[in-house]
PDB file of N, CA and C in Angstrom:
ATOM      1  N   UNK A   1     167.090   4.169  50.004  1.00  0.00           N
ATOM      2  CA  UNK A   1     168.387   4.022  49.604  1.00  0.00           C
ATOM      3  C   UNK A   1     168.555   2.815  48.892  1.00  0.00           C
ATOM      4  N   UNK A   2     169.358   3.311  47.690  1.00  0.00           N
ATOM      5  CA  UNK A   2     169.611   1.949  46.748  1.00  0.00           C
ATOM      6  C   UNK A   2     170.759   1.031  47.317  1.00  0.00           C
ATOM      7  N   UNK A   3     170.820   0.019  46.609  1.00  0.00           N
ATOM      8  CA  UNK A   3     171.715  -1.246  46.926  1.00  0.00           C
ATOM      9  C   UNK A   3     173.198  -0.672  47.155  1.00  0.00           C
ATOM     10  N   UNK A   4     173.580  -0.072  46.069  1.00  0.00           N
ATOM     11  CA  UNK A   4     174.985   0.541  45.917  1.00  0.00           C
ATOM     12  C   UNK A   4     175.564   1.196  47.478  1.00  0.00           C
ATOM     13  N   UNK A   5     174.361   1.918  47.602  1.00  0.00           N
ATOM     14  CA  UNK A   5     174.480   3.055  48.600  1.00  0.00           C
ATOM     15  C   UNK A   5     174.571   2.280  49.944  1.00  0.00           C
ATOM     16  N   UNK A   6     173.748   1.305  50.232  1.00  0.00           N
ATOM     17  CA  UNK A   6     173.378   0.329  51.100  1.00  0.00           C
ATOM     18  C   UNK A   6     174.992  -0.538  51.371  1.00  0.00           C
ATOM     19  N   UNK A   7     175.440  -0.847  50.380  1.00  0.00           N
ATOM     20  CA  UNK A   7     176.776  -1.567  50.386  1.00  0.00           C
ATOM     21  C   UNK A   7     178.114  -0.713  50.933  1.00  0.00           C
ATOM     22  N   UNK A   8     177.868   0.483  50.762  1.00  0.00           N
ATOM     23  CA  UNK A   8     179.012   1.605  50.980  1.00  0.00           C
ATOM     24  C   UNK A   8     178.473   2.557  52.117  1.00  0.00           C
ATOM     25  N   UNK A   9     177.893   2.359  52.901  1.00  0.00           N
ATOM     26  CA  UNK A   9     177.336   3.554  53.784  1.00  0.00           C
ATOM     27  C   UNK A   9     178.477   4.318  54.510  1.00  0.00           C
ATOM     28  N   UNK A  10     179.517   3.527  54.962  1.00  0.00           N
ATOM     29  CA  UNK A  10     180.503   4.137  55.761  1.00  0.00           C
ATOM     30  C   UNK A  10     181.348   5.191  54.829  1.00  0.00           C
ATOM     31  N   UNK A  11     181.599   4.894  53.393  1.00  0.00           N
ATOM     32  CA  UNK A  11     182.237   5.600  52.422  1.00  0.00           C
ATOM     33  C   UNK A  11     181.188   7.130  52.075  1.00  0.00           C
ATOM     34  N   UNK A  12     179.989   6.907  52.101  1.00  0.00           N
ATOM     35  CA  UNK A  12     179.070   7.926  51.927  1.00  0.00           C
ATOM     36  C   UNK A  12     179.017   8.631  52.911  1.00  0.00           C
ATOM     37  N   UNK A  13     178.952   8.133  54.184  1.00  0.00           N
ATOM     38  CA  UNK A  13     179.025   8.670  55.554  1.00  0.00           C
ATOM     39  C   UNK A  13     180.302   9.570  55.662  1.00  0.00           C
ATOM     40  N   UNK A  14     181.427   9.011  55.312  1.00  0.00           N
ATOM     41  CA  UNK A  14     182.931   9.920  55.321  1.00  0.00           C
ATOM     42  C   UNK A  14     182.824  10.882  54.393  1.00  0.00           C
ATOM     43  N   UNK A  15     182.426  10.843  53.037  1.00  0.00           N
ATOM     44  CA  UNK A  15     182.117  11.834  52.282  1.00  0.00           C
ATOM     45  C   UNK A  15     181.352  13.171  52.870  1.00  0.00           C
ATOM     46  N   UNK A  16     179.979  12.709  53.325  1.00  0.00           N
ATOM     47  CA  UNK A  16     179.290  13.939  54.067  1.00  0.00           C
ATOM     48  C   UNK A  16     179.972  14.506  54.978  1.00  0.00           C
ATOM     49  N   UNK A  17     180.841  13.484  55.986  1.00  0.00           N
ATOM     50  CA  UNK A  17     181.470  14.354  57.163  1.00  0.00           C
ATOM     51  C   UNK A  17     182.344  15.309  56.594  1.00  0.00           C
ATOM     52  N   UNK A  18     183.167  14.669  55.529  1.00  0.00           N
ATOM     53  CA  UNK A  18     184.220  15.704  54.777  1.00  0.00           C
ATOM     54  C   UNK A  18     183.497  16.986  54.431  1.00  0.00           C
ATOM     55  N   UNK A  19     182.346  16.857  53.866  1.00  0.00           N
ATOM     56  CA  UNK A  19     181.485  17.970  53.247  1.00  0.00           C
ATOM     57  C   UNK A  19     181.244  18.958  54.029  1.00  0.00           C
ATOM     58  N   UNK A  20     180.933  18.414  55.193  1.00  0.00           N
ATOM     59  CA  UNK A  20     180.399  19.202  56.442  1.00  0.00           C
ATOM     60  C   UNK A  20     181.811  19.892  56.995  1.00  0.00           C
ATOM     61  N   UNK A  21     182.845  19.124  57.262  1.00  0.00           N
ATOM     62  CA  UNK A  21     183.872  19.768  57.718  1.00  0.00           C
ATOM     63  C   UNK A  21     184.841  20.804  56.763  1.00  0.00           C
ATOM     64  N   UNK A  22     184.270  20.732  55.358  1.00  0.00           N
ATOM     65  CA  UNK A  22     184.992  21.652  54.377  1.00  0.00           C
ATOM     66  C   UNK A  22     184.138  22.804  54.276  1.00  0.00           C
ATOM     67  N   UNK A  23     182.955  22.715  54.931  1.00  0.00           N
ATOM     68  CA  UNK A  23     181.836  23.823  54.777  1.00  0.00           C
ATOM     69  C   UNK A  23     181.286  23.917  53.259  1.00  0.00           C
ATOM     70  N   UNK A  24     180.717  22.739  52.839  1.00  0.00           N
ATOM     71  CA  UNK A  24     180.278  22.834  51.343  1.00  0.00           C
ATOM     72  C   UNK A  24     178.884  22.192  51.380  1.00  0.00           C
ATOM     73  N   UNK A  25     178.103  23.322  51.918  1.00  0.00           N
ATOM     74  CA  UNK A  25     176.527  22.671  52.046  1.00  0.00           C
ATOM     75  C   UNK A  25     175.929  22.389  50.722  1.00  0.00           C
ATOM     76  N   UNK A  26     176.195  23.202  49.503  1.00  0.00           N
ATOM     77  CA  UNK A  26     175.341  22.828  48.324  1.00  0.00           C
ATOM     78  C   UNK A  26     176.066  21.328  47.770  1.00  0.00           C
ATOM     79  N   UNK A  27     177.308  21.162  47.908  1.00  0.00           N
ATOM     80  CA  UNK A  27     177.637  19.983  47.514  1.00  0.00           C
ATOM     81  C   UNK A  27     177.182  18.747  48.242  1.00  0.00           C
ATOM     82  N   UNK A  28     176.816  18.815  49.566  1.00  0.00           N
ATOM     83  CA  UNK A  28     176.249  18.092  50.512  1.00  0.00           C
ATOM     84  C   UNK A  28     175.109  17.631  50.001  1.00  0.00           C
ATOM     85  N   UNK A  29     174.238  18.910  49.727  1.00  0.00           N
ATOM     86  CA  UNK A  29     172.606  18.772  49.299  1.00  0.00           C
ATOM     87  C   UNK A  29     172.719  17.804  47.940  1.00  0.00           C
ATOM     88  N   UNK A  30     173.597  17.969  47.014  1.00  0.00           N
ATOM     89  CA  UNK A  30     173.681  17.377  45.734  1.00  0.00           C
ATOM     90  C   UNK A  30     174.254  15.969  45.646  1.00  0.00           C
ATOM     91  N   UNK A  31     174.724  15.525  46.747  1.00  0.00           N
ATOM     92  CA  UNK A  31     175.607  14.370  46.879  1.00  0.00           C
ATOM     93  C   UNK A  31     174.864  13.063  46.523  1.00  0.00           C
ATOM     94  N   UNK A  32     173.602  12.988  47.198  1.00  0.00           N
ATOM     95  CA  UNK A  32     172.717  11.657  46.969  1.00  0.00           C
ATOM     96  C   UNK A  32     172.381  11.567  45.613  1.00  0.00           C
ATOM     97  N   UNK A  33     171.749  12.900  45.053  1.00  0.00           N
ATOM     98  CA  UNK A  33     171.426  12.661  43.514  1.00  0.00           C
ATOM     99  C   UNK A  33     172.554  12.557  42.513  1.00  0.00           C
ATOM    100  N   UNK A  34     173.811  12.982  42.954  1.00  0.00           N
ATOM    101  CA  UNK A  34     175.016  12.585  42.108  1.00  0.00           C
ATOM    102  C   UNK A  34     175.481  11.201  42.317  1.00  0.00           C
ATOM    103  N   UNK A  35     175.019  10.709  43.262  1.00  0.00           N
ATOM    104  CA  UNK A  35     175.534   9.262  43.820  1.00  0.00           C
ATOM    105  C   UNK A  35     174.330   8.298  42.921  1.00  0.00           C
ATOM    106  N   UNK A  36     173.246   8.718  42.819  1.00  0.00           N
ATOM    107  CA  UNK A  36     172.214   7.898  42.123  1.00  0.00           C
ATOM    108  C   UNK A  36     172.603   8.001  40.508  1.00  0.00           C
ATOM    109  N   UNK A  37     173.077   9.202  40.350  1.00  0.00           N
ATOM    110  CA  UNK A  37     173.386   9.378  38.547  1.00  0.00           C
ATOM    111  C   UNK A  37     174.682   8.486  38.341  1.00  0.00           C
ATOM    112  N   UNK A  38     175.514   8.139  39.382  1.00  0.00           N
ATOM    113  CA  UNK A  38     176.658   7.409  39.205  1.00  0.00           C
ATOM    114  C   UNK A  38     176.316   5.984  38.986  1.00  0.00           C
ATOM    115  N   UNK A  39     175.190   5.576  40.085  1.00  0.00           N
ATOM    116  CA  UNK A  39     174.764   4.107  39.994  1.00  0.00           C
ATOM    117  C   UNK A  39     174.235   3.824  38.803  1.00  0.00           C
ATOM    118  N   UNK A  40     173.412   4.739  38.041  1.00  0.00           N
ATOM    119  CA  UNK A  40     172.720   4.587  36.996  1.00  0.00           C
ATOM    120  C   UNK A  40     173.512   4.341  35.290  1.00  0.00           C
ATOM    121  N   UNK A  41     174.743   4.905  35.748  1.00  0.00           N
ATOM    122  CA  UNK A  41     175.793   4.947  34.735  1.00  0.00           C
ATOM    123  C   UNK A  41     175.559   6.160  34.024  1.00  0.00           C
ATOM    124  N   UNK A  42     174.951   7.219  34.370  1.00  0.00           N
ATOM    125  CA  UNK A  42     174.927   8.556  33.735  1.00  0.00           C
ATOM    126  C   UNK A  42     176.177   9.312  33.975  1.00  0.00           C
ATOM    127  N   UNK A  43     176.838   9.100  34.857  1.00  0.00           N
ATOM    128  CA  UNK A  43     178.036   9.847  35.102  1.00  0.00           C
ATOM    129  C   UNK A  43     178.997   9.119  35.455  1.00  0.00           C
ATOM    130  N   UNK A  44     180.650   9.581  34.956  1.00  0.00           N
ATOM    131  CA  UNK A  44     181.646   9.046  35.454  1.00  0.00           C
ATOM    132  C   UNK A  44     182.115   9.526  36.839  1.00  0.00           C
ATOM    133  N   UNK A  45     182.996   9.092  37.486  1.00  0.00           N
ATOM    134  CA  UNK A  45     183.682   9.470  38.590  1.00  0.00           C
ATOM    135  C   UNK A  45     184.051  10.881  38.536  1.00  0.00           C
ATOM    136  N   UNK A  46     184.904  11.287  37.523  1.00  0.00           N
ATOM    137  CA  UNK A  46     185.175  12.387  37.368  1.00  0.00           C
ATOM    138  C   UNK A  46     184.171  13.587  37.125  1.00  0.00           C
ATOM    139  N   UNK A  47     183.069  13.108  36.303  1.00  0.00           N
ATOM    140  CA  UNK A  47     182.085  14.196  36.456  1.00  0.00           C
ATOM    141  C   UNK A  47     181.179  14.245  37.397  1.00  0.00           C
ATOM    142  N   UNK A  48     181.171  13.157  38.358  1.00  0.00           N
ATOM    143  CA  UNK A  48     180.526  13.527  39.738  1.00  0.00           C
ATOM    144  C   UNK A  48     181.369  14.666  40.474  1.00  0.00           C
ATOM    145  N   UNK A  49     182.526  14.185  40.622  1.00  0.00           N
ATOM    146  CA  UNK A  49     183.534  15.223  41.155  1.00  0.00           C
ATOM    147  C   UNK A  49     183.278  16.807  40.641  1.00  0.00           C
ATOM    148  N   UNK A  50     183.285  16.762  39.396  1.00  0.00           N
ATOM    149  CA  UNK A  50     183.162  17.928  38.874  1.00  0.00           C
ATOM    150  C   UNK A  50     181.792  18.702  39.250  1.00  0.00           C
ATOM    151  N   UNK A  51     180.837  17.978  39.027  1.00  0.00           N
ATOM    152  CA  UNK A  51     179.383  18.380  39.530  1.00  0.00           C
ATOM    153  C   UNK A  51     179.457  18.996  40.991  1.00  0.00           C
ATOM    154  N   UNK A  52     179.897  18.355  41.791  1.00  0.00           N
ATOM    155  CA  UNK A  52     179.674  18.541  43.297  1.00  0.00           C
ATOM    156  C   UNK A  52     180.643  20.011  43.540  1.00  0.00           C
ATOM    157  N   UNK A  53     181.899  19.883  42.858  1.00  0.00           N
ATOM    158  CA  UNK A  53     182.696  20.943  43.125  1.00  0.00           C
ATOM    159  C   UNK A  53     181.882  22.165  42.302  1.00  0.00           C
ATOM    160  N   UNK A  54     181.677  21.928  41.186  1.00  0.00           N
ATOM    161  CA  UNK A  54     180.799  23.231  40.485  1.00  0.00           C
ATOM    162  C   UNK A  54     179.633  23.635  41.218  1.00  0.00           C
ATOM    163  N   UNK A  55     179.007  22.835  41.707  1.00  0.00           N
ATOM    164  CA  UNK A  55     177.739  23.411  42.589  1.00  0.00           C
ATOM    165  C   UNK A  55     178.071  24.139  43.962  1.00  0.00           C
ATOM    166  N   UNK A  56     179.265  23.748  44.507  1.00  0.00           N
ATOM    167  CA  UNK A  56     179.681  24.471  45.702  1.00  0.00           C
ATOM    168  C   UNK A  56     180.336  25.946  45.051  1.00  0.00           C
ATOM    169  N   UNK A  57     181.130  25.842  43.874  1.00  0.00           N
ATOM    170  CA  UNK A  57     181.633  26.846  43.394  1.00  0.00           C
ATOM    171  C   UNK A  57     180.605  27.987  42.921  1.00  0.00           C
ATOM    172  N   UNK A  58     179.456  27.529  42.438  1.00  0.00           N
ATOM    173  CA  UNK A  58     178.413  28.288  42.102  1.00  0.00           C
ATOM    174  C   UNK A  58     177.892  29.019  43.213  1.00  0.00           C
ATOM    175  N   UNK A  59     177.532  28.340  44.189  1.00  0.00           N
ATOM    176  CA  UNK A  59     176.855  28.955  45.394  1.00  0.00           C
ATOM    177  C   UNK A  59     177.737  30.011  45.991  1.00  0.00           C
ATOM    178  N   UNK A  60     179.081  29.526  46.068  1.00  0.00           N
ATOM    179  CA  UNK A  60     180.174  30.830  46.689  1.00  0.00           C
ATOM    180  C   UNK A  60     180.105  32.033  45.876  1.00  0.00           C
ATOM    181  N   UNK A  61     180.202  31.839  44.482  1.00  0.00           N
ATOM    182  CA  UNK A  61     180.284  32.981  43.612  1.00  0.00           C
ATOM    183  C   UNK A  61     179.166  33.811  43.566  1.00  0.00           C
ATOM    184  N   UNK A  62     177.831  33.328  43.806  1.00  0.00           N
ATOM    185  CA  UNK A  62     176.691  33.650  43.708  1.00  0.00           C
ATOM    186  C   UNK A  62     176.263  34.403  45.259  1.00  0.00           C
ATOM    187  N   UNK A  63     177.121  34.331  46.223  1.00  0.00           N
ATOM    188  CA  UNK A  63     176.997  34.718  47.609  1.00  0.00           C
ATOM    189  C   UNK A  63     177.293  36.361  47.707  1.00  0.00           C
ATOM    190  N   UNK A  64     176.289  36.903  48.337  1.00  0.00           N
ATOM    191  CA  UNK A  64     176.535  38.521  48.565  1.00  0.00           C
ATOM    192  C   UNK A  64     177.850  38.690  48.924  1.00  0.00           C
ATOM    193  N   UNK A  65     178.393  38.165  49.759  1.00  0.00           N
ATOM    194  CA  UNK A  65     179.850  38.577  50.486  1.00  0.00           C
ATOM    195  C   UNK A  65     180.878  37.911  49.825  1.00  0.00           C
ATOM    196  N   UNK A  66     180.674  37.372  48.562  1.00  0.00           N
ATOM    197  CA  UNK A  66     181.868  36.595  47.863  1.00  0.00           C
ATOM    198  C   UNK A  66     182.339  37.509  47.251  1.00  0.00           C
ATOM    199  N   UNK A  67     183.818  37.291  47.215  1.00  0.00           N
ATOM    200  CA  UNK A  67     184.854  38.244  46.423  1.00  0.00           C
ATOM    201  C   UNK A  67     184.685  38.261  44.976  1.00  0.00           C
ATOM    202  N   UNK A  68     184.686  39.160  44.142  1.00  0.00           N
ATOM    203  CA  UNK A  68     184.337  39.400  42.767  1.00  0.00           C
ATOM    204  C   UNK A  68     185.455  38.973  42.149  1.00  0.00           C
ATOM    205  N   UNK A  69     185.508  37.664  41.477  1.00  0.00           N
ATOM    206  CA  UNK A  69     186.243  37.175  40.750  1.00  0.00           C
ATOM    207  C   UNK A  69     185.692  36.802  39.334  1.00  0.00           C
ATOM    208  N   UNK A  70     186.661  36.333  38.215  1.00  0.00           N
ATOM    209  CA  UNK A  70     186.047  36.177  37.142  1.00  0.00           C
ATOM    210  C   UNK A  70     184.938  34.708  37.002  1.00  0.00           C
ATOM    211  N   UNK A  71     184.375  34.665  36.040  1.00  0.00           N
ATOM    212  CA  UNK A  71     183.401  33.587  36.026  1.00  0.00           C
ATOM    213  C   UNK A  71     184.223  32.351  35.598  1.00  0.00           C
ATOM    214  N   UNK A  72     183.491  31.248  35.649  1.00  0.00           N
ATOM    215  CA  UNK A  72     184.348  29.845  35.091  1.00  0.00           C
ATOM    216  C   UNK A  72     185.030  30.142  33.556  1.00  0.00           C
ATOM    217  N   UNK A  73     183.949  30.703  32.846  1.00  0.00           N
ATOM    218  CA  UNK A  73     184.625  30.760  31.400  1.00  0.00           C
ATOM    219  C   UNK A  73     185.691  31.745  31.348  1.00  0.00           C
ATOM    220  N   UNK A  74     185.489  32.894  32.083  1.00  0.00           N
ATOM    221  CA  UNK A  74     186.858  33.675  32.221  1.00  0.00           C
ATOM    222  C   UNK A  74     187.836  32.974  32.498  1.00  0.00           C
ATOM    223  N   UNK A  75     187.987  32.024  33.607  1.00  0.00           N
ATOM    224  CA  UNK A  75     189.036  31.226  34.105  1.00  0.00           C
ATOM    225  C   UNK A  75     189.740  30.491  32.776  1.00  0.00           C
ATOM    226  N   UNK A  76     188.700  29.831  32.166  1.00  0.00           N
ATOM    227  CA  UNK A  76     189.084  28.952  31.182  1.00  0.00           C
ATOM    228  C   UNK A  76     189.614  30.062  29.939  1.00  0.00           C
ATOM    229  N   UNK A  77     189.283  31.082  29.570  1.00  0.00           N
ATOM    230  CA  UNK A  77     189.826  31.846  28.507  1.00  0.00           C
ATOM    231  C   UNK A  77     191.346  32.298  28.707  1.00  0.00           C
ATOM    232  N   UNK A  78     191.291  32.816  30.206  1.00  0.00           N
ATOM    233  CA  UNK A  78     192.827  33.351  30.664  1.00  0.00           C
ATOM    234  C   UNK A  78     193.641  32.132  30.609  1.00  0.00           C
ATOM    235  N   UNK A  79     193.387  30.897  30.896  1.00  0.00           N
ATOM    236  CA  UNK A  79     194.282  30.008  31.034  1.00  0.00           C
ATOM    237  C   UNK A  79     194.416  29.279  29.548  1.00  0.00           C
ATOM    238  N   UNK A  80     193.726  29.552  28.522  1.00  0.00           N
ATOM    239  CA  UNK A  80     193.930  29.044  27.195  1.00  0.00           C
ATOM    240  C   UNK A  80     193.339  27.665  27.452  1.00  0.00           C
ATOM    241  N   UNK A  81     192.466  27.119  28.356  1.00  0.00           N
ATOM    242  CA  UNK A  81     191.851  25.983  28.019  1.00  0.00           C
ATOM    243  C   UNK A  81     191.026  25.884  26.961  1.00  0.00           C
ATOM    244  N   UNK A  82     190.885  24.836  26.304  1.00  0.00           N
ATOM    245  CA  UNK A  82     189.780  24.670  25.165  1.00  0.00           C
ATOM    246  C   UNK A  82     188.801  23.637  25.679  1.00  0.00           C
ATOM    247  N   UNK A  83     188.666  22.965  26.756  1.00  0.00           N
ATOM    248  CA  UNK A  83     187.963  21.993  27.071  1.00  0.00           C
ATOM    249  C   UNK A  83     187.805  21.880  28.661  1.00  0.00           C
ATOM    250  N   UNK A  84     186.742  21.460  29.077  1.00  0.00           N
ATOM    251  CA  UNK A  84     186.479  21.337  30.477  1.00  0.00           C
ATOM    252  C   UNK A  84     187.537  20.233  31.200  1.00  0.00           C
ATOM    253  N   UNK A  85     188.211  19.409  30.476  1.00  0.00           N
ATOM    254  CA  UNK A  85     189.123  18.702  31.138  1.00  0.00           C
ATOM    255  C   UNK A  85     190.418  19.412  31.286  1.00  0.00           C
ATOM    256  N   UNK A  86     190.525  20.244  30.742  1.00  0.00           N
ATOM    257  CA  UNK A  86     192.171  21.058  30.699  1.00  0.00           C
ATOM    258  C   UNK A  86     191.837  22.448  31.737  1.00  0.00           C
ATOM    259  N   UNK A  87     190.591  22.545  32.436  1.00  0.00           N
ATOM    260  CA  UNK A  87     190.298  23.684  33.191  1.00  0.00           C
ATOM    261  C   UNK A  87     190.821  23.585  34.582  1.00  0.00           C
ATOM    262  N   UNK A  88     191.375  24.678  34.880  1.00  0.00           N
ATOM    263  CA  UNK A  88     191.922  24.808  36.331  1.00  0.00           C
ATOM    264  C   UNK A  88     191.179  25.893  37.294  1.00  0.00           C
ATOM    265  N   UNK A  89     190.877  25.569  38.263  1.00  0.00           N
ATOM    266  CA  UNK A  89     190.044  26.518  39.195  1.00  0.00           C
ATOM    267  C   UNK A  89     190.908  26.892  40.410  1.00  0.00           C
ATOM    268  N   UNK A  90     190.776  28.186  40.577  1.00  0.00           N
ATOM    269  CA  UNK A  90     191.760  28.833  41.733  1.00  0.00           C
ATOM    270  C   UNK A  90     190.723  29.629  42.852  1.00  0.00           C
ATOM    271  N   UNK A  91     190.791  29.201  43.969  1.00  0.00           N
ATOM    272  CA  UNK A  91     189.959  29.975  44.833  1.00  0.00           C
ATOM    273  C   UNK A  91     190.480  30.090  46.081  1.00  0.00           C
ATOM    274  N   UNK A  92     190.834  31.300  46.386  1.00  0.00           N
ATOM    275  CA  UNK A  92     191.484  31.601  47.834  1.00  0.00           C
ATOM    276  C   UNK A  92     190.466  32.145  48.922  1.00  0.00           C
ATOM    277  N   UNK A  93     190.291  31.491  49.983  1.00  0.00           N
ATOM    278  CA  UNK A  93     189.523  31.749  50.945  1.00  0.00           C
ATOM    279  C   UNK A  93     190.241  32.510  52.075  1.00  0.00           C
ATOM    280  N   UNK A  94     189.828  33.715  52.573  1.00  0.00           N
ATOM    281  CA  UNK A  94     190.550  34.387  53.421  1.00  0.00           C
ATOM    282  C   UNK A  94     189.789  34.448  54.708  1.00  0.00           C
TER     283      UNK A  94
END
């Protein structure tokens, strides 16, 4: 584990606990890699959040029992968004 991760283990542990509680297994798998990229200055905090959420969304969209919704691009077109910073995602779990 890197120095930055060693300095904030309780925060990383809380995030892991939250991802488990939210049933976000793919985001949990990606967390360490995303944190390493943050440490190396390869990502901003918002990019890291976007990656974790996108990983989870992709897993759920590709799940055989997932409801059939439009793709991420469809959502952007329907909302009139021109860039990822303007994109909104909606997901309803039943």
